[in-house]
PDB file of all heavy atoms in Angstrom:
ATOM      1  N   ALA A   1       3.967  73.185  25.465  1.00  0.00           N
ATOM      2  CA  ALA A   1       2.715  73.036  26.186  1.00  0.00           C
ATOM      3  C   ALA A   1       2.071  74.380  26.427  1.00  0.00           C
ATOM      4  O   ALA A   1       0.835  74.539  26.365  1.00  0.00           O
ATOM      5  CB  ALA A   1       2.964  72.316  27.515  1.00  0.00           C
ATOM      6  N   ALA A   2       2.901  75.407  26.745  1.00  0.00           N
ATOM      7  CA  ALA A   2       2.358  76.744  27.008  1.00  0.00           C
ATOM      8  C   ALA A   2       1.702  77.340  25.761  1.00  0.00           C
ATOM      9  O   ALA A   2       0.632  77.930  25.839  1.00  0.00           O
ATOM     10  CB  ALA A   2       3.449  77.681  27.511  1.00  0.00           C
ATOM     11  N   VAL A   3       2.356  77.190  24.610  1.00  0.00           N
ATOM     12  CA  VAL A   3       1.784  77.689  23.361  1.00  0.00           C
ATOM     13  C   VAL A   3       0.474  76.983  23.027  1.00  0.00           C
ATOM     14  O   VAL A   3      -0.525  77.612  22.674  1.00  0.00           O
ATOM     15  CB  VAL A   3       2.764  77.540  22.194  1.00  0.00           C
ATOM     16  CG1 VAL A   3       2.126  77.890  20.862  1.00  0.00           C
ATOM     17  CG2 VAL A   3       4.016  78.422  22.425  1.00  0.00           C
ATOM     18  N   SER A   4       0.455  75.665  23.189  1.00  0.00           N
ATOM     19  CA  SER A   4      -0.783  74.907  22.986  1.00  0.00           C
ATOM     20  C   SER A   4      -1.875  75.363  23.941  1.00  0.00           C
ATOM     21  O   SER A   4      -3.038  75.488  23.562  1.00  0.00           O
ATOM     22  CB  SER A   4      -0.517  73.424  23.145  1.00  0.00           C
ATOM     23  OG  SER A   4      -1.711  72.666  22.975  1.00  0.00           O
ATOM     24  N   GLY A   5      -1.457  75.657  25.180  1.00  0.00           N
ATOM     25  CA  GLY A   5      -2.426  76.093  26.201  1.00  0.00           C
ATOM     26  C   GLY A   5      -3.050  77.430  25.874  1.00  0.00           C
ATOM     27  O   GLY A   5      -4.207  77.665  26.253  1.00  0.00           O
ATOM     28  N   THR A   6      -2.373  78.299  25.144  1.00  0.00           N
ATOM     29  CA  THR A   6      -2.960  79.556  24.780  1.00  0.00           C
ATOM     30  C   THR A   6      -4.192  79.399  23.921  1.00  0.00           C
ATOM     31  O   THR A   6      -5.146  80.123  23.981  1.00  0.00           O
ATOM     32  CB  THR A   6      -1.972  80.517  24.079  1.00  0.00           C
ATOM     33  OG1 THR A   6      -1.598  79.967  22.822  1.00  0.00           O
ATOM     34  CG2 THR A   6      -0.734  80.751  24.963  1.00  0.00           C
ATOM     35  N   LYS A   7      -4.142  78.355  23.041  1.00  0.00           N
ATOM     36  CA  LYS A   7      -5.317  78.059  22.206  1.00  0.00           C
ATOM     37  C   LYS A   7      -6.446  77.520  23.065  1.00  0.00           C
ATOM     38  O   LYS A   7      -7.611  77.917  22.950  1.00  0.00           O
ATOM     39  CB  LYS A   7      -4.954  77.054  21.129  1.00  0.00           C
ATOM     40  CG  LYS A   7      -4.173  77.599  19.962  1.00  0.00           C
ATOM     41  CD  LYS A   7      -4.029  76.545  18.872  1.00  0.00           C
ATOM     42  CE  LYS A   7      -3.365  77.072  17.629  1.00  0.00           C
ATOM     43  NZ  LYS A   7      -3.260  76.064  16.545  1.00  0.00           N
ATOM     44  N   ALA A   8      -6.109  76.585  23.920  1.00  0.00           N
ATOM     45  CA  ALA A   8      -7.110  75.938  24.770  1.00  0.00           C
ATOM     46  C   ALA A   8      -7.816  76.939  25.678  1.00  0.00           C
ATOM     47  O   ALA A   8      -9.024  76.805  25.934  1.00  0.00           O
ATOM     48  CB  ALA A   8      -6.478  74.844  25.637  1.00  0.00           C
ATOM     49  N   MET A   9      -7.097  77.946  26.129  1.00  0.00           N
ATOM     50  CA  MET A   9      -7.670  78.944  27.039  1.00  0.00           C
ATOM     51  C   MET A   9      -8.203  80.180  26.334  1.00  0.00           C
ATOM     52  O   MET A   9      -8.605  81.153  26.994  1.00  0.00           O
ATOM     53  CB  MET A   9      -6.665  79.305  28.112  1.00  0.00           C
ATOM     54  CG  MET A   9      -6.342  78.142  29.043  1.00  0.00           C
ATOM     55  SD  MET A   9      -5.273  78.602  30.434  1.00  0.00           S
ATOM     56  CE  MET A   9      -3.718  78.739  29.596  1.00  0.00           C
ATOM     57  N   GLY A  10      -8.173  80.201  25.020  1.00  0.00           N
ATOM     58  CA  GLY A  10      -8.783  81.302  24.271  1.00  0.00           C
ATOM     59  C   GLY A  10      -7.994  82.593  24.284  1.00  0.00           C
ATOM     60  O   GLY A  10      -8.582  83.672  24.069  1.00  0.00           O
ATOM     61  N   PHE A  11      -6.668  82.534  24.459  1.00  0.00           N
ATOM     62  CA  PHE A  11      -5.883  83.762  24.387  1.00  0.00           C
ATOM     63  C   PHE A  11      -5.989  84.342  22.983  1.00  0.00           C
ATOM     64  O   PHE A  11      -5.998  83.634  21.987  1.00  0.00           O
ATOM     65  CB  PHE A  11      -4.422  83.461  24.677  1.00  0.00           C
ATOM     66  CG  PHE A  11      -4.071  83.172  26.102  1.00  0.00           C
ATOM     67  CD1 PHE A  11      -5.006  82.776  27.020  1.00  0.00           C
ATOM     68  CD2 PHE A  11      -2.741  83.332  26.563  1.00  0.00           C
ATOM     69  CE1 PHE A  11      -4.710  82.510  28.346  1.00  0.00           C
ATOM     70  CE2 PHE A  11      -2.411  83.089  27.872  1.00  0.00           C
ATOM     71  CZ  PHE A  11      -3.414  82.700  28.781  1.00  0.00           C
ATOM     72  N   ARG A  12      -6.068  85.689  22.926  1.00  0.00           N
ATOM     73  CA  ARG A  12      -6.083  86.365  21.610  1.00  0.00           C
ATOM     74  C   ARG A  12      -4.677  86.552  21.065  1.00  0.00           C
ATOM     75  O   ARG A  12      -4.508  86.824  19.906  1.00  0.00           O
ATOM     76  CB  ARG A  12      -6.759  87.734  21.746  1.00  0.00           C
ATOM     77  CG  ARG A  12      -8.274  87.639  21.899  1.00  0.00           C
ATOM     78  CD  ARG A  12      -8.959  87.121  20.643  1.00  0.00           C
ATOM     79  NE  ARG A  12      -8.643  87.930  19.483  1.00  0.00           N
ATOM     80  CZ  ARG A  12      -8.344  87.465  18.292  1.00  0.00           C
ATOM     81  NH1 ARG A  12      -8.283  86.179  18.057  1.00  0.00           N
ATOM     82  NH2 ARG A  12      -8.100  88.295  17.273  1.00  0.00           N
ATOM     83  N   GLY A  13      -3.679  86.383  21.936  1.00  0.00           N
ATOM     84  CA  GLY A  13      -2.311  86.520  21.497  1.00  0.00           C
ATOM     85  C   GLY A  13      -1.402  86.655  22.714  1.00  0.00           C
ATOM     86  O   GLY A  13      -1.853  86.625  23.844  1.00  0.00           O
ATOM     87  N   PHE A  14      -0.136  86.791  22.417  1.00  0.00           N
ATOM     88  CA  PHE A  14       0.844  86.934  23.526  1.00  0.00           C
ATOM     89  C   PHE A  14       2.194  87.456  23.002  1.00  0.00           C
ATOM     90  O   PHE A  14       2.445  87.381  21.799  1.00  0.00           O
ATOM     91  CB  PHE A  14       1.051  85.596  24.276  1.00  0.00           C
ATOM     92  CG  PHE A  14       1.420  84.455  23.383  1.00  0.00           C
ATOM     93  CD1 PHE A  14       2.758  84.077  23.158  1.00  0.00           C
ATOM     94  CD2 PHE A  14       0.451  83.659  22.819  1.00  0.00           C
ATOM     95  CE1 PHE A  14       3.076  82.979  22.388  1.00  0.00           C
ATOM     96  CE2 PHE A  14       0.741  82.549  22.027  1.00  0.00           C
ATOM     97  CZ  PHE A  14       2.079  82.216  21.807  1.00  0.00           C
ATOM     98  N   ASN A  15       2.951  88.031  23.909  1.00  0.00           N
ATOM     99  CA  ASN A  15       4.315  88.432  23.600  1.00  0.00           C
ATOM    100  C   ASN A  15       5.266  87.400  24.179  1.00  0.00           C
ATOM    101  O   ASN A  15       4.943  86.640  25.070  1.00  0.00           O
ATOM    102  CB  ASN A  15       4.649  89.798  24.264  1.00  0.00           C
ATOM    103  CG  ASN A  15       4.026  90.976  23.531  1.00  0.00           C
ATOM    104  OD1 ASN A  15       3.399  91.802  24.135  1.00  0.00           O
ATOM    105  ND2 ASN A  15       4.223  91.009  22.215  1.00  0.00           N
ATOM    106  N   LEU A  16       6.496  87.377  23.591  1.00  0.00           N
ATOM    107  CA  LEU A  16       7.544  86.540  24.095  1.00  0.00           C
ATOM    108  C   LEU A  16       8.813  87.336  24.266  1.00  0.00           C
ATOM    109  O   LEU A  16       9.041  88.351  23.570  1.00  0.00           O
ATOM    110  CB  LEU A  16       7.854  85.420  23.143  1.00  0.00           C
ATOM    111  CG  LEU A  16       6.728  84.473  22.767  1.00  0.00           C
ATOM    112  CD1 LEU A  16       6.291  84.759  21.341  1.00  0.00           C
ATOM    113  CD2 LEU A  16       7.137  83.018  22.940  1.00  0.00           C
ATOM    114  N   THR A  17       9.642  86.871  25.169  1.00  0.00           N
ATOM    115  CA  THR A  17      10.967  87.495  25.317  1.00  0.00           C
ATOM    116  C   THR A  17      12.018  86.403  25.336  1.00  0.00           C
ATOM    117  O   THR A  17      11.686  85.195  25.212  1.00  0.00           O
ATOM    118  CB  THR A  17      11.020  88.383  26.565  1.00  0.00           C
ATOM    119  OG1 THR A  17      12.253  89.091  26.582  1.00  0.00           O
ATOM    120  CG2 THR A  17      10.905  87.556  27.844  1.00  0.00           C
ATOM    121  N   ILE A  18      13.257  86.777  25.470  1.00  0.00           N
ATOM    122  CA  ILE A  18      14.339  85.806  25.549  1.00  0.00           C
ATOM    123  C   ILE A  18      14.062  84.850  26.714  1.00  0.00           C
ATOM    124  O   ILE A  18      13.618  85.304  27.765  1.00  0.00           O
ATOM    125  CB  ILE A  18      15.692  86.544  25.792  1.00  0.00           C
ATOM    126  CG1 ILE A  18      16.010  87.400  24.531  1.00  0.00           C
ATOM    127  CG2 ILE A  18      16.821  85.572  26.072  1.00  0.00           C
ATOM    128  CD1 ILE A  18      17.173  88.318  24.752  1.00  0.00           C
ATOM    129  N   PRO A  19      14.206  83.514  26.583  1.00  0.00           N
ATOM    130  CA  PRO A  19      14.881  82.826  25.479  1.00  0.00           C
ATOM    131  C   PRO A  19      13.937  82.147  24.484  1.00  0.00           C
ATOM    132  O   PRO A  19      14.313  81.181  23.804  1.00  0.00           O
ATOM    133  CB  PRO A  19      15.636  81.713  26.282  1.00  0.00           C
ATOM    134  CG  PRO A  19      14.661  81.341  27.365  1.00  0.00           C
ATOM    135  CD  PRO A  19      13.952  82.633  27.728  1.00  0.00           C
ATOM    136  N   HIS A  20      12.713  82.639  24.354  1.00  0.00           N
ATOM    137  CA  HIS A  20      11.700  81.942  23.573  1.00  0.00           C
ATOM    138  C   HIS A  20      11.497  82.467  22.142  1.00  0.00           C
ATOM    139  O   HIS A  20      10.735  81.885  21.361  1.00  0.00           O
ATOM    140  CB  HIS A  20      10.341  82.028  24.272  1.00  0.00           C
ATOM    141  CG  HIS A  20      10.366  81.436  25.673  1.00  0.00           C
ATOM    142  ND1 HIS A  20      10.900  80.218  25.939  1.00  0.00           N
ATOM    143  CD2 HIS A  20       9.871  81.889  26.831  1.00  0.00           C
ATOM    144  CE1 HIS A  20      10.786  79.941  27.212  1.00  0.00           C
ATOM    145  NE2 HIS A  20      10.128  80.938  27.777  1.00  0.00           N
ATOM    146  N   LYS A  21      12.174  83.563  21.781  1.00  0.00           N
ATOM    147  CA  LYS A  21      11.833  84.278  20.530  1.00  0.00           C
ATOM    148  C   LYS A  21      12.107  83.415  19.284  1.00  0.00           C
ATOM    149  O   LYS A  21      11.418  83.601  18.248  1.00  0.00           O
ATOM    150  CB  LYS A  21      12.592  85.566  20.415  1.00  0.00           C
ATOM    151  CG  LYS A  21      12.069  86.665  21.366  1.00  0.00           C
ATOM    152  CD  LYS A  21      12.769  87.958  21.106  1.00  0.00           C
ATOM    153  CE  LYS A  21      12.227  89.103  21.970  1.00  0.00           C
ATOM    154  NZ  LYS A  21      12.855  90.413  21.651  1.00  0.00           N
ATOM    155  N   VAL A  22      13.095  82.543  19.341  1.00  0.00           N
ATOM    156  CA  VAL A  22      13.417  81.690  18.182  1.00  0.00           C
ATOM    157  C   VAL A  22      12.753  80.330  18.323  1.00  0.00           C
ATOM    158  O   VAL A  22      12.123  79.832  17.343  1.00  0.00           O
ATOM    159  CB  VAL A  22      14.945  81.527  18.049  1.00  0.00           C
ATOM    160  CG1 VAL A  22      15.287  80.558  16.918  1.00  0.00           C
ATOM    161  CG2 VAL A  22      15.600  82.883  17.794  1.00  0.00           C
ATOM    162  N   GLU A  23      12.818  79.737  19.471  1.00  0.00           N
ATOM    163  CA  GLU A  23      12.279  78.393  19.669  1.00  0.00           C
ATOM    164  C   GLU A  23      10.762  78.331  19.452  1.00  0.00           C
ATOM    165  O   GLU A  23      10.242  77.291  19.034  1.00  0.00           O
ATOM    166  CB  GLU A  23      12.620  77.897  21.088  1.00  0.00           C
ATOM    167  CG  GLU A  23      14.084  77.595  21.304  1.00  0.00           C
ATOM    168  CD  GLU A  23      14.611  76.550  20.314  1.00  0.00           C
ATOM    169  OE1 GLU A  23      13.905  75.525  20.105  1.00  0.00           O
ATOM    170  OE2 GLU A  23      15.698  76.770  19.754  1.00  0.00           O
ATOM    171  N   VAL A  24      10.065  79.434  19.664  1.00  0.00           N
ATOM    172  CA  VAL A  24       8.592  79.398  19.535  1.00  0.00           C
ATOM    173  C   VAL A  24       8.184  79.187  18.112  1.00  0.00           C
ATOM    174  O   VAL A  24       7.062  78.678  17.838  1.00  0.00           O
ATOM    175  CB  VAL A  24       7.967  80.700  20.079  1.00  0.00           C
ATOM    176  CG1 VAL A  24       8.219  81.853  19.105  1.00  0.00           C
ATOM    177  CG2 VAL A  24       6.474  80.541  20.325  1.00  0.00           C
ATOM    178  N   ILE A  25       9.021  79.493  17.153  1.00  0.00           N
ATOM    179  CA  ILE A  25       8.652  79.422  15.735  1.00  0.00           C
ATOM    180  C   ILE A  25       8.150  78.019  15.328  1.00  0.00           C
ATOM    181  O   ILE A  25       7.173  77.899  14.563  1.00  0.00           O
ATOM    182  CB  ILE A  25       9.835  79.853  14.816  1.00  0.00           C
ATOM    183  CG1 ILE A  25      10.083  81.366  15.023  1.00  0.00           C
ATOM    184  CG2 ILE A  25       9.565  79.533  13.374  1.00  0.00           C
ATOM    185  CD1 ILE A  25      11.306  81.871  14.327  1.00  0.00           C
ATOM    186  N   GLN A  26       8.780  76.987  15.863  1.00  0.00           N
ATOM    187  CA  GLN A  26       8.385  75.637  15.480  1.00  0.00           C
ATOM    188  C   GLN A  26       7.003  75.270  15.981  1.00  0.00           C
ATOM    189  O   GLN A  26       6.401  74.281  15.521  1.00  0.00           O
ATOM    190  CB  GLN A  26       9.422  74.632  16.024  1.00  0.00           C
ATOM    191  CG  GLN A  26       9.514  74.605  17.536  1.00  0.00           C
ATOM    192  CD  GLN A  26      10.624  73.718  18.029  1.00  0.00           C
ATOM    193  OE1 GLN A  26      10.682  72.551  17.670  1.00  0.00           O
ATOM    194  NE2 GLN A  26      11.496  74.271  18.849  1.00  0.00           N
ATOM    195  N   HIS A  27       6.459  76.043  16.892  1.00  0.00           N
ATOM    196  CA  HIS A  27       5.132  75.763  17.447  1.00  0.00           C
ATOM    197  C   HIS A  27       4.036  76.627  16.874  1.00  0.00           C
ATOM    198  O   HIS A  27       2.891  76.553  17.311  1.00  0.00           O
ATOM    199  CB  HIS A  27       5.145  75.926  18.970  1.00  0.00           C
ATOM    200  CG  HIS A  27       6.279  75.167  19.637  1.00  0.00           C
ATOM    201  ND1 HIS A  27       6.357  73.802  19.594  1.00  0.00           N
ATOM    202  CD2 HIS A  27       7.348  75.605  20.375  1.00  0.00           C
ATOM    203  CE1 HIS A  27       7.430  73.400  20.258  1.00  0.00           C
ATOM    204  NE2 HIS A  27       8.026  74.468  20.741  1.00  0.00           N
ATOM    205  N   LEU A  28       4.352  77.464  15.873  1.00  0.00           N
ATOM    206  CA  LEU A  28       3.403  78.366  15.266  1.00  0.00           C
ATOM    207  C   LEU A  28       2.973  77.861  13.901  1.00  0.00           C
ATOM    208  O   LEU A  28       3.632  77.022  13.284  1.00  0.00           O
ATOM    209  CB  LEU A  28       4.022  79.783  15.142  1.00  0.00           C
ATOM    210  CG  LEU A  28       4.510  80.389  16.454  1.00  0.00           C
ATOM    211  CD1 LEU A  28       5.149  81.735  16.173  1.00  0.00           C
ATOM    212  CD2 LEU A  28       3.393  80.499  17.478  1.00  0.00           C
ATOM    213  N   ASP A  29       1.855  78.398  13.411  1.00  0.00           N
ATOM    214  CA  ASP A  29       1.315  77.933  12.144  1.00  0.00           C
ATOM    215  C   ASP A  29       1.909  78.679  10.957  1.00  0.00           C
ATOM    216  O   ASP A  29       2.099  78.121   9.875  1.00  0.00           O
ATOM    217  CB  ASP A  29      -0.216  78.100  12.117  1.00  0.00           C
ATOM    218  CG  ASP A  29      -0.874  77.234  13.198  1.00  0.00           C
ATOM    219  OD1 ASP A  29      -0.773  76.005  13.082  1.00  0.00           O
ATOM    220  OD2 ASP A  29      -1.444  77.790  14.159  1.00  0.00           O
ATOM    221  N   ARG A  30       2.211  79.963  11.136  1.00  0.00           N
ATOM    222  CA  ARG A  30       2.878  80.708  10.055  1.00  0.00           C
ATOM    223  C   ARG A  30       3.482  82.018  10.629  1.00  0.00           C
ATOM    224  O   ARG A  30       3.192  82.374  11.787  1.00  0.00           O
ATOM    225  CB  ARG A  30       1.889  81.056   8.915  1.00  0.00           C
ATOM    226  CG  ARG A  30       0.587  81.744   9.324  1.00  0.00           C
ATOM    227  CD  ARG A  30      -0.394  81.734   8.160  1.00  0.00           C
ATOM    228  NE  ARG A  30      -1.695  82.197   8.533  1.00  0.00           N
ATOM    229  CZ  ARG A  30      -2.153  83.430   8.396  1.00  0.00           C
ATOM    230  NH1 ARG A  30      -1.357  84.378   7.881  1.00  0.00           N
ATOM    231  NH2 ARG A  30      -3.394  83.755   8.749  1.00  0.00           N
ATOM    232  N   LEU A  31       4.267  82.669   9.836  1.00  0.00           N
ATOM    233  CA  LEU A  31       5.011  83.854  10.244  1.00  0.00           C
ATOM    234  C   LEU A  31       4.736  85.008   9.289  1.00  0.00           C
ATOM    235  O   LEU A  31       4.445  84.821   8.108  1.00  0.00           O
ATOM    236  CB  LEU A  31       6.527  83.595  10.255  1.00  0.00           C
ATOM    237  CG  LEU A  31       7.065  82.454  11.097  1.00  0.00           C
ATOM    238  CD1 LEU A  31       8.550  82.370  10.922  1.00  0.00           C
ATOM    239  CD2 LEU A  31       6.702  82.653  12.563  1.00  0.00           C
ATOM    240  N   SER A  32       4.862  86.231   9.807  1.00  0.00           N
ATOM    241  CA  SER A  32       4.840  87.416   8.949  1.00  0.00           C
ATOM    242  C   SER A  32       6.112  87.467   8.125  1.00  0.00           C
ATOM    243  O   SER A  32       7.081  86.752   8.421  1.00  0.00           O
ATOM    244  CB  SER A  32       4.737  88.685   9.794  1.00  0.00           C
ATOM    245  OG  SER A  32       5.976  88.932  10.472  1.00  0.00           O
ATOM    246  N   GLU A  33       6.138  88.302   7.131  1.00  0.00           N
ATOM    247  CA  GLU A  33       7.338  88.436   6.286  1.00  0.00           C
ATOM    248  C   GLU A  33       8.549  88.803   7.104  1.00  0.00           C
ATOM    249  O   GLU A  33       9.621  88.230   6.987  1.00  0.00           O
ATOM    250  CB  GLU A  33       7.088  89.477   5.193  1.00  0.00           C
ATOM    251  CG  GLU A  33       8.295  89.700   4.291  1.00  0.00           C
ATOM    252  CD  GLU A  33       8.144  90.861   3.325  1.00  0.00           C
ATOM    253  OE1 GLU A  33       7.190  91.641   3.495  1.00  0.00           O
ATOM    254  OE2 GLU A  33       8.951  90.983   2.408  1.00  0.00           O
ATOM    255  N   ALA A  34       8.380  89.824   7.962  1.00  0.00           N
ATOM    256  CA  ALA A  34       9.510  90.313   8.770  1.00  0.00           C
ATOM    257  C   ALA A  34       9.997  89.253   9.745  1.00  0.00           C
ATOM    258  O   ALA A  34      11.194  89.048   9.899  1.00  0.00           O
ATOM    259  CB  ALA A  34       9.127  91.594   9.484  1.00  0.00           C
ATOM    260  N   ALA A  35       9.083  88.577  10.425  1.00  0.00           N
ATOM    261  CA  ALA A  35       9.495  87.549  11.372  1.00  0.00           C
ATOM    262  C   ALA A  35      10.225  86.423  10.710  1.00  0.00           C
ATOM    263  O   ALA A  35      11.212  85.883  11.233  1.00  0.00           O
ATOM    264  CB  ALA A  35       8.249  87.012  12.112  1.00  0.00           C
ATOM    265  N   GLU A  36       9.790  86.053   9.481  1.00  0.00           N
ATOM    266  CA  GLU A  36      10.474  84.990   8.737  1.00  0.00           C
ATOM    267  C   GLU A  36      11.877  85.428   8.368  1.00  0.00           C
ATOM    268  O   GLU A  36      12.847  84.627   8.499  1.00  0.00           O
ATOM    269  CB  GLU A  36       9.653  84.663   7.461  1.00  0.00           C
ATOM    270  CG  GLU A  36      10.208  83.504   6.669  1.00  0.00           C
ATOM    271  CD  GLU A  36      11.373  83.859   5.757  1.00  0.00           C
ATOM    272  OE1 GLU A  36      11.371  84.995   5.221  1.00  0.00           O
ATOM    273  OE2 GLU A  36      12.307  83.031   5.604  1.00  0.00           O
ATOM    274  N   LYS A  37      12.062  86.662   7.928  1.00  0.00           N
ATOM    275  CA  LYS A  37      13.349  87.144   7.508  1.00  0.00           C
ATOM    276  C   LYS A  37      14.335  87.265   8.672  1.00  0.00           C
ATOM    277  O   LYS A  37      15.527  86.924   8.513  1.00  0.00           O
ATOM    278  CB  LYS A  37      13.221  88.483   6.796  1.00  0.00           C
ATOM    279  CG  LYS A  37      12.584  88.428   5.425  1.00  0.00           C
ATOM    280  CD  LYS A  37      12.521  89.790   4.790  1.00  0.00           C
ATOM    281  CE  LYS A  37      11.817  89.730   3.397  1.00  0.00           C
ATOM    282  NZ  LYS A  37      12.551  88.901   2.427  1.00  0.00           N
ATOM    283  N   MET A  38      13.854  87.691   9.822  1.00  0.00           N
ATOM    284  CA  MET A  38      14.767  87.860  10.947  1.00  0.00           C
ATOM    285  C   MET A  38      14.890  86.595  11.834  1.00  0.00           C
ATOM    286  O   MET A  38      15.743  86.507  12.667  1.00  0.00           O
ATOM    287  CB  MET A  38      14.393  89.084  11.808  1.00  0.00           C
ATOM    288  CG  MET A  38      13.072  88.981  12.514  1.00  0.00           C
ATOM    289  SD  MET A  38      12.630  90.551  13.354  1.00  0.00           S
ATOM    290  CE  MET A  38      12.297  91.664  11.987  1.00  0.00           C
ATOM    291  N   GLY A  39      13.996  85.647  11.619  1.00  0.00           N
ATOM    292  CA  GLY A  39      14.052  84.391  12.351  1.00  0.00           C
ATOM    293  C   GLY A  39      13.808  84.524  13.811  1.00  0.00           C
ATOM    294  O   GLY A  39      14.371  83.790  14.648  1.00  0.00           O
ATOM    295  N   ALA A  40      12.948  85.472  14.204  1.00  0.00           N
ATOM    296  CA  ALA A  40      12.618  85.672  15.618  1.00  0.00           C
ATOM    297  C   ALA A  40      11.202  86.244  15.713  1.00  0.00           C
ATOM    298  O   ALA A  40      10.769  87.029  14.867  1.00  0.00           O
ATOM    299  CB  ALA A  40      13.633  86.620  16.261  1.00  0.00           C
ATOM    300  N   VAL A  41      10.513  85.846  16.766  1.00  0.00           N
ATOM    301  CA  VAL A  41       9.128  86.300  17.012  1.00  0.00           C
ATOM    302  C   VAL A  41       9.020  86.870  18.406  1.00  0.00           C
ATOM    303  O   VAL A  41       9.536  86.257  19.366  1.00  0.00           O
ATOM    304  CB  VAL A  41       8.163  85.088  16.888  1.00  0.00           C
ATOM    305  CG1 VAL A  41       6.788  85.403  17.468  1.00  0.00           C
ATOM    306  CG2 VAL A  41       8.045  84.668  15.430  1.00  0.00           C
ATOM    307  N   ASN A  42       8.385  88.025  18.555  1.00  0.00           N
ATOM    308  CA  ASN A  42       8.130  88.578  19.906  1.00  0.00           C
ATOM    309  C   ASN A  42       6.642  88.785  20.145  1.00  0.00           C
ATOM    310  O   ASN A  42       6.270  89.154  21.240  1.00  0.00           O
ATOM    311  CB  ASN A  42       8.895  89.872  20.129  1.00  0.00           C
ATOM    312  CG  ASN A  42       8.208  91.054  19.485  1.00  0.00           C
ATOM    313  OD1 ASN A  42       7.594  90.965  18.407  1.00  0.00           O
ATOM    314  ND2 ASN A  42       8.242  92.202  20.152  1.00  0.00           N
TER     315      ASN A  42
END
């Protein structure tokens, strides 16, 4: 819900920390090469 809310509220982006760095991937549209290889997003 929080990730979806960032779109609704016009956020330009955001950072994440533990424990969301891996779980957030399923809620995103695509990943950079490095994020895909390491399996984590911050």
